[in-house]
Amino acid sequence: MKNRFNVSEPKVIETSNTRIYYQSAYIYFKGPEKHVINDSKEHVPNTYVAYVVDKESTKVIQLSMDQVGDFIEDSNLEKNTWVLNMLKSIHFKAENNGDARR
C-alpha cells in the first residue's frame, strides 16, 4: 500500500471473524507521472486496495479495485459505504482437514 498510495499505515476495521486493512485514494497520471491524492474531501477516491485476513487461519484475500465510468459520480460516502460493506461481507470457509462430511 505504501508504493501505491504513499501511506505507511492503512486503515483497519474488524469484524468478528476478519481483520481488514484498506486504503483508498484518487490516482491519476499526467504524462508518465503518477499523482496520488489521499484527501477524500478534495477528490472522491477511484482506487481501493484491501487485505481481508481470517482471524481463525492464515488465509488472506487481497482486493484491488480501480473505478471508472458512472460510479465515479457517486458521492464519497456512498462509494465508501459500498466498498466497506463488500469487504465486511467476506466470510472464510472453515477448515475441514480433508473431511468430506463437513
N, C-alpha and C. Protein backbone atom coordinates (compact mmCIF):
# COMPACT_ATOMS: atom_id res chain seq x y z
N MET A 1 0.82 -1.20 0.00
CA MET A 1 0.00 0.00 0.00
C MET A 1 0.86 1.26 0.00
N LYS A 2 2.05 1.14 0.58
CA LYS A 2 2.91 2.31 0.62
C LYS A 2 3.31 2.75 -0.79
N ASN A 3 3.65 1.80 -1.66
CA ASN A 3 4.04 2.15 -3.02
C ASN A 3 2.88 2.73 -3.81
N ARG A 4 1.70 2.22 -3.59
CA ARG A 4 0.55 2.65 -4.40
C ARG A 4 -0.06 3.95 -3.91
N PHE A 5 -0.13 4.13 -2.57
CA PHE A 5 -0.84 5.27 -2.01
C PHE A 5 0.03 6.27 -1.26
N ASN A 6 1.33 6.00 -1.14
CA ASN A 6 2.24 6.86 -0.37
C ASN A 6 1.80 6.99 1.08
N VAL A 7 1.23 5.92 1.63
CA VAL A 7 0.76 5.90 3.02
C VAL A 7 1.38 4.68 3.69
N SER A 8 1.95 4.88 4.88
CA SER A 8 2.61 3.75 5.55
C SER A 8 1.67 2.96 6.47
N GLU A 9 0.61 3.58 6.95
CA GLU A 9 -0.32 2.90 7.84
C GLU A 9 -1.71 2.84 7.20
N PRO A 10 -2.17 1.65 6.81
CA PRO A 10 -3.52 1.56 6.24
C PRO A 10 -4.59 1.70 7.32
N LYS A 11 -5.81 1.94 6.88
CA LYS A 11 -6.94 1.94 7.81
C LYS A 11 -7.24 0.49 8.18
N VAL A 12 -7.76 0.28 9.39
CA VAL A 12 -8.05 -1.08 9.85
C VAL A 12 -9.45 -1.11 10.45
N ILE A 13 -10.24 -2.11 10.02
CA ILE A 13 -11.53 -2.37 10.66
C ILE A 13 -11.59 -3.86 10.95
N GLU A 14 -12.39 -4.23 11.94
CA GLU A 14 -12.50 -5.63 12.30
C GLU A 14 -13.96 -6.05 12.35
N THR A 15 -14.19 -7.29 11.94
CA THR A 15 -15.48 -7.94 12.15
C THR A 15 -15.21 -9.05 13.15
N SER A 16 -16.21 -9.83 13.46
CA SER A 16 -15.99 -10.91 14.43
C SER A 16 -15.02 -11.96 13.91
N ASN A 17 -14.91 -12.13 12.58
CA ASN A 17 -14.06 -13.17 12.01
C ASN A 17 -12.90 -12.67 11.18
N THR A 18 -12.89 -11.38 10.84
CA THR A 18 -11.84 -10.88 9.95
C THR A 18 -11.25 -9.57 10.45
N ARG A 19 -10.05 -9.30 9.97
CA ARG A 19 -9.39 -8.00 10.15
C ARG A 19 -9.14 -7.48 8.74
N ILE A 20 -9.55 -6.25 8.49
CA ILE A 20 -9.48 -5.69 7.15
C ILE A 20 -8.55 -4.48 7.16
N TYR A 21 -7.52 -4.57 6.33
CA TYR A 21 -6.59 -3.45 6.13
C TYR A 21 -6.93 -2.86 4.76
N TYR A 22 -7.20 -1.56 4.69
CA TYR A 22 -7.59 -0.99 3.41
C TYR A 22 -7.10 0.45 3.28
N GLN A 23 -7.03 0.88 2.05
CA GLN A 23 -6.65 2.25 1.75
C GLN A 23 -7.31 2.65 0.44
N SER A 24 -7.62 3.93 0.31
CA SER A 24 -8.20 4.43 -0.93
C SER A 24 -7.58 5.78 -1.25
N ALA A 25 -7.61 6.12 -2.52
CA ALA A 25 -7.08 7.41 -2.96
C ALA A 25 -7.60 7.70 -4.36
N TYR A 26 -7.47 8.96 -4.74
CA TYR A 26 -7.73 9.36 -6.11
C TYR A 26 -6.38 9.35 -6.81
N ILE A 27 -6.24 8.50 -7.82
CA ILE A 27 -4.97 8.36 -8.54
C ILE A 27 -5.20 8.72 -10.00
N TYR A 28 -4.30 9.54 -10.52
CA TYR A 28 -4.35 9.87 -11.95
C TYR A 28 -2.93 10.03 -12.46
N PHE A 29 -2.79 9.95 -13.77
CA PHE A 29 -1.50 10.10 -14.41
C PHE A 29 -1.52 11.34 -15.30
N LYS A 30 -0.46 12.11 -15.22
CA LYS A 30 -0.27 13.26 -16.10
C LYS A 30 1.04 13.00 -16.82
N GLY A 31 0.90 12.54 -18.07
CA GLY A 31 2.09 12.06 -18.77
C GLY A 31 2.57 10.80 -18.06
N PRO A 32 3.86 10.68 -17.84
CA PRO A 32 4.37 9.48 -17.17
C PRO A 32 4.33 9.58 -15.64
N GLU A 33 3.89 10.72 -15.11
CA GLU A 33 3.92 10.92 -13.66
C GLU A 33 2.61 10.50 -13.00
N LYS A 34 2.74 9.74 -11.93
CA LYS A 34 1.60 9.29 -11.15
C LYS A 34 1.34 10.31 -10.03
N HIS A 35 0.07 10.70 -9.87
CA HIS A 35 -0.33 11.63 -8.81
C HIS A 35 -1.32 10.93 -7.90
N VAL A 36 -1.09 11.01 -6.60
CA VAL A 36 -1.94 10.37 -5.61
C VAL A 36 -2.49 11.44 -4.68
N ILE A 37 -3.82 11.50 -4.58
CA ILE A 37 -4.47 12.44 -3.68
C ILE A 37 -5.21 11.62 -2.63
N ASN A 38 -4.71 11.66 -1.39
CA ASN A 38 -5.30 10.88 -0.31
C ASN A 38 -6.43 11.61 0.41
N ASP A 39 -6.63 12.87 0.14
CA ASP A 39 -7.67 13.66 0.79
C ASP A 39 -9.00 13.46 0.05
N SER A 40 -9.90 12.69 0.66
CA SER A 40 -11.18 12.39 0.00
C SER A 40 -12.09 13.61 -0.08
N LYS A 41 -11.78 14.67 0.66
CA LYS A 41 -12.56 15.90 0.55
C LYS A 41 -12.20 16.66 -0.72
N GLU A 42 -10.97 16.46 -1.19
CA GLU A 42 -10.52 17.12 -2.41
C GLU A 42 -10.98 16.36 -3.66
N HIS A 43 -10.87 15.01 -3.62
CA HIS A 43 -11.29 14.16 -4.75
C HIS A 43 -11.85 12.86 -4.19
N VAL A 44 -12.97 12.41 -4.76
CA VAL A 44 -13.55 11.13 -4.39
C VAL A 44 -12.59 10.03 -4.85
N PRO A 45 -12.23 9.08 -3.98
CA PRO A 45 -11.29 8.01 -4.37
C PRO A 45 -11.78 7.22 -5.58
N ASN A 46 -10.83 6.82 -6.41
CA ASN A 46 -11.15 5.97 -7.55
C ASN A 46 -10.37 4.66 -7.51
N THR A 47 -9.53 4.48 -6.48
CA THR A 47 -8.71 3.28 -6.36
C THR A 47 -8.76 2.80 -4.91
N TYR A 48 -8.96 1.49 -4.74
CA TYR A 48 -9.02 0.88 -3.41
C TYR A 48 -8.14 -0.37 -3.39
N VAL A 49 -7.48 -0.60 -2.27
CA VAL A 49 -6.75 -1.84 -2.05
C VAL A 49 -7.09 -2.30 -0.64
N ALA A 50 -7.33 -3.60 -0.50
CA ALA A 50 -7.66 -4.15 0.82
C ALA A 50 -7.08 -5.55 0.98
N TYR A 51 -6.74 -5.86 2.21
CA TYR A 51 -6.35 -7.21 2.60
C TYR A 51 -7.33 -7.64 3.67
N VAL A 52 -8.06 -8.73 3.41
CA VAL A 52 -9.01 -9.27 4.37
C VAL A 52 -8.37 -10.51 4.97
N VAL A 53 -8.15 -10.48 6.28
CA VAL A 53 -7.41 -11.54 6.97
C VAL A 53 -8.37 -12.33 7.85
N ASP A 54 -8.35 -13.65 7.70
CA ASP A 54 -9.16 -14.54 8.53
C ASP A 54 -8.49 -14.66 9.90
N LYS A 55 -9.24 -14.39 10.97
CA LYS A 55 -8.68 -14.45 12.32
C LYS A 55 -8.45 -15.89 12.79
N GLU A 56 -9.09 -16.86 12.13
CA GLU A 56 -9.01 -18.25 12.57
C GLU A 56 -8.01 -19.09 11.79
N SER A 57 -7.36 -18.51 10.79
CA SER A 57 -6.40 -19.26 9.98
C SER A 57 -5.36 -18.30 9.40
N THR A 58 -4.62 -18.78 8.44
CA THR A 58 -3.63 -17.93 7.78
C THR A 58 -4.13 -17.45 6.42
N LYS A 59 -5.42 -17.58 6.17
CA LYS A 59 -6.00 -17.17 4.88
C LYS A 59 -6.09 -15.65 4.77
N VAL A 60 -5.76 -15.15 3.58
CA VAL A 60 -5.83 -13.72 3.28
C VAL A 60 -6.34 -13.55 1.87
N ILE A 61 -7.21 -12.56 1.69
CA ILE A 61 -7.67 -12.20 0.35
C ILE A 61 -7.19 -10.78 0.09
N GLN A 62 -6.58 -10.57 -1.07
CA GLN A 62 -6.18 -9.23 -1.48
C GLN A 62 -7.14 -8.77 -2.56
N LEU A 63 -7.70 -7.58 -2.38
CA LEU A 63 -8.61 -6.99 -3.37
C LEU A 63 -8.04 -5.67 -3.83
N SER A 64 -8.13 -5.44 -5.11
CA SER A 64 -7.71 -4.18 -5.69
C SER A 64 -8.77 -3.74 -6.68
N MET A 65 -9.25 -2.51 -6.53
CA MET A 65 -10.30 -2.01 -7.40
C MET A 65 -9.94 -0.63 -7.93
N ASP A 66 -10.06 -0.48 -9.21
CA ASP A 66 -9.94 0.83 -9.85
C ASP A 66 -11.29 1.10 -10.50
N GLN A 67 -11.85 2.27 -10.25
CA GLN A 67 -13.19 2.56 -10.73
C GLN A 67 -13.19 3.68 -11.75
N VAL A 68 -13.95 3.46 -12.80
CA VAL A 68 -14.13 4.47 -13.84
C VAL A 68 -15.59 4.46 -14.25
N GLY A 69 -16.00 5.45 -14.99
CA GLY A 69 -17.36 5.45 -15.51
C GLY A 69 -18.35 6.09 -14.57
N ASP A 70 -19.62 5.64 -14.66
CA ASP A 70 -20.71 6.26 -13.92
C ASP A 70 -20.52 6.24 -12.42
N PHE A 71 -19.89 5.17 -11.89
CA PHE A 71 -19.75 5.06 -10.44
C PHE A 71 -18.88 6.18 -9.87
N ILE A 72 -18.04 6.76 -10.70
CA ILE A 72 -17.16 7.83 -10.25
C ILE A 72 -17.98 9.06 -9.83
N GLU A 73 -19.21 9.17 -10.32
CA GLU A 73 -20.06 10.31 -9.99
C GLU A 73 -20.72 10.18 -8.62
N ASP A 74 -20.71 8.97 -8.04
CA ASP A 74 -21.32 8.78 -6.73
C ASP A 74 -20.56 9.58 -5.68
N SER A 75 -21.24 9.86 -4.59
CA SER A 75 -20.59 10.61 -3.52
C SER A 75 -19.57 9.72 -2.81
N ASN A 76 -18.66 10.36 -2.13
CA ASN A 76 -17.62 9.64 -1.38
C ASN A 76 -18.26 8.73 -0.33
N LEU A 77 -19.28 9.23 0.36
CA LEU A 77 -19.94 8.44 1.39
C LEU A 77 -20.59 7.20 0.80
N GLU A 78 -21.31 7.34 -0.31
CA GLU A 78 -21.95 6.19 -0.95
C GLU A 78 -20.92 5.17 -1.39
N LYS A 79 -19.85 5.62 -2.00
CA LYS A 79 -18.83 4.71 -2.50
C LYS A 79 -18.11 4.01 -1.35
N ASN A 80 -17.71 4.77 -0.31
CA ASN A 80 -17.05 4.15 0.83
C ASN A 80 -17.95 3.14 1.52
N THR A 81 -19.23 3.45 1.65
CA THR A 81 -20.18 2.53 2.27
C THR A 81 -20.27 1.26 1.45
N TRP A 82 -20.36 1.38 0.14
CA TRP A 82 -20.44 0.21 -0.74
C TRP A 82 -19.20 -0.66 -0.60
N VAL A 83 -18.02 -0.05 -0.66
CA VAL A 83 -16.76 -0.81 -0.58
C VAL A 83 -16.63 -1.47 0.79
N LEU A 84 -16.88 -0.74 1.86
CA LEU A 84 -16.75 -1.32 3.20
C LEU A 84 -17.76 -2.44 3.45
N ASN A 85 -18.99 -2.28 2.97
CA ASN A 85 -19.98 -3.35 3.11
C ASN A 85 -19.53 -4.61 2.36
N MET A 86 -18.95 -4.43 1.18
CA MET A 86 -18.45 -5.56 0.42
C MET A 86 -17.32 -6.26 1.20
N LEU A 87 -16.38 -5.49 1.73
CA LEU A 87 -15.26 -6.08 2.46
C LEU A 87 -15.73 -6.81 3.72
N LYS A 88 -16.67 -6.21 4.43
CA LYS A 88 -17.19 -6.83 5.66
C LYS A 88 -18.01 -8.08 5.37
N SER A 89 -18.52 -8.23 4.16
CA SER A 89 -19.35 -9.39 3.82
C SER A 89 -18.53 -10.64 3.50
N ILE A 90 -17.22 -10.52 3.44
CA ILE A 90 -16.37 -11.67 3.11
C ILE A 90 -16.29 -12.61 4.31
N HIS A 91 -16.59 -13.88 4.05
CA HIS A 91 -16.51 -14.91 5.08
C HIS A 91 -15.65 -16.05 4.57
N PHE A 92 -14.74 -16.50 5.40
CA PHE A 92 -13.88 -17.61 5.03
C PHE A 92 -14.52 -18.92 5.44
N LYS A 93 -14.35 -19.93 4.62
CA LYS A 93 -14.88 -21.25 4.90
C LYS A 93 -14.00 -21.92 5.97
N ALA A 94 -14.65 -22.58 6.91
CA ALA A 94 -13.92 -23.25 7.99
C ALA A 94 -13.07 -24.38 7.43
N GLU A 95 -11.93 -24.61 8.07
CA GLU A 95 -11.05 -25.72 7.69
C GLU A 95 -11.78 -27.04 7.96
N ASN A 96 -11.64 -28.00 7.06
CA ASN A 96 -12.25 -29.30 7.32
C ASN A 96 -11.23 -30.43 7.32
N ASN A 97 -9.95 -30.10 7.15
CA ASN A 97 -8.86 -31.09 7.19
C ASN A 97 -9.14 -32.28 6.28
N GLY A 98 -9.75 -32.07 5.14
CA GLY A 98 -9.99 -33.13 4.18
C GLY A 98 -11.22 -33.97 4.46
N ASP A 99 -11.96 -33.67 5.51
CA ASP A 99 -13.16 -34.42 5.87
C ASP A 99 -14.31 -33.98 4.96
N ALA A 100 -14.75 -34.84 4.05
CA ALA A 100 -15.80 -34.51 3.09
C ALA A 100 -17.18 -34.40 3.75
N ARG A 101 -17.34 -34.82 4.97
CA ARG A 101 -18.64 -34.78 5.64
C ARG A 101 -18.98 -33.38 6.13
N ARG A 102 -18.06 -32.45 6.12
CA ARG A 102 -18.33 -31.09 6.59
C ARG A 102 -18.66 -30.17 5.47
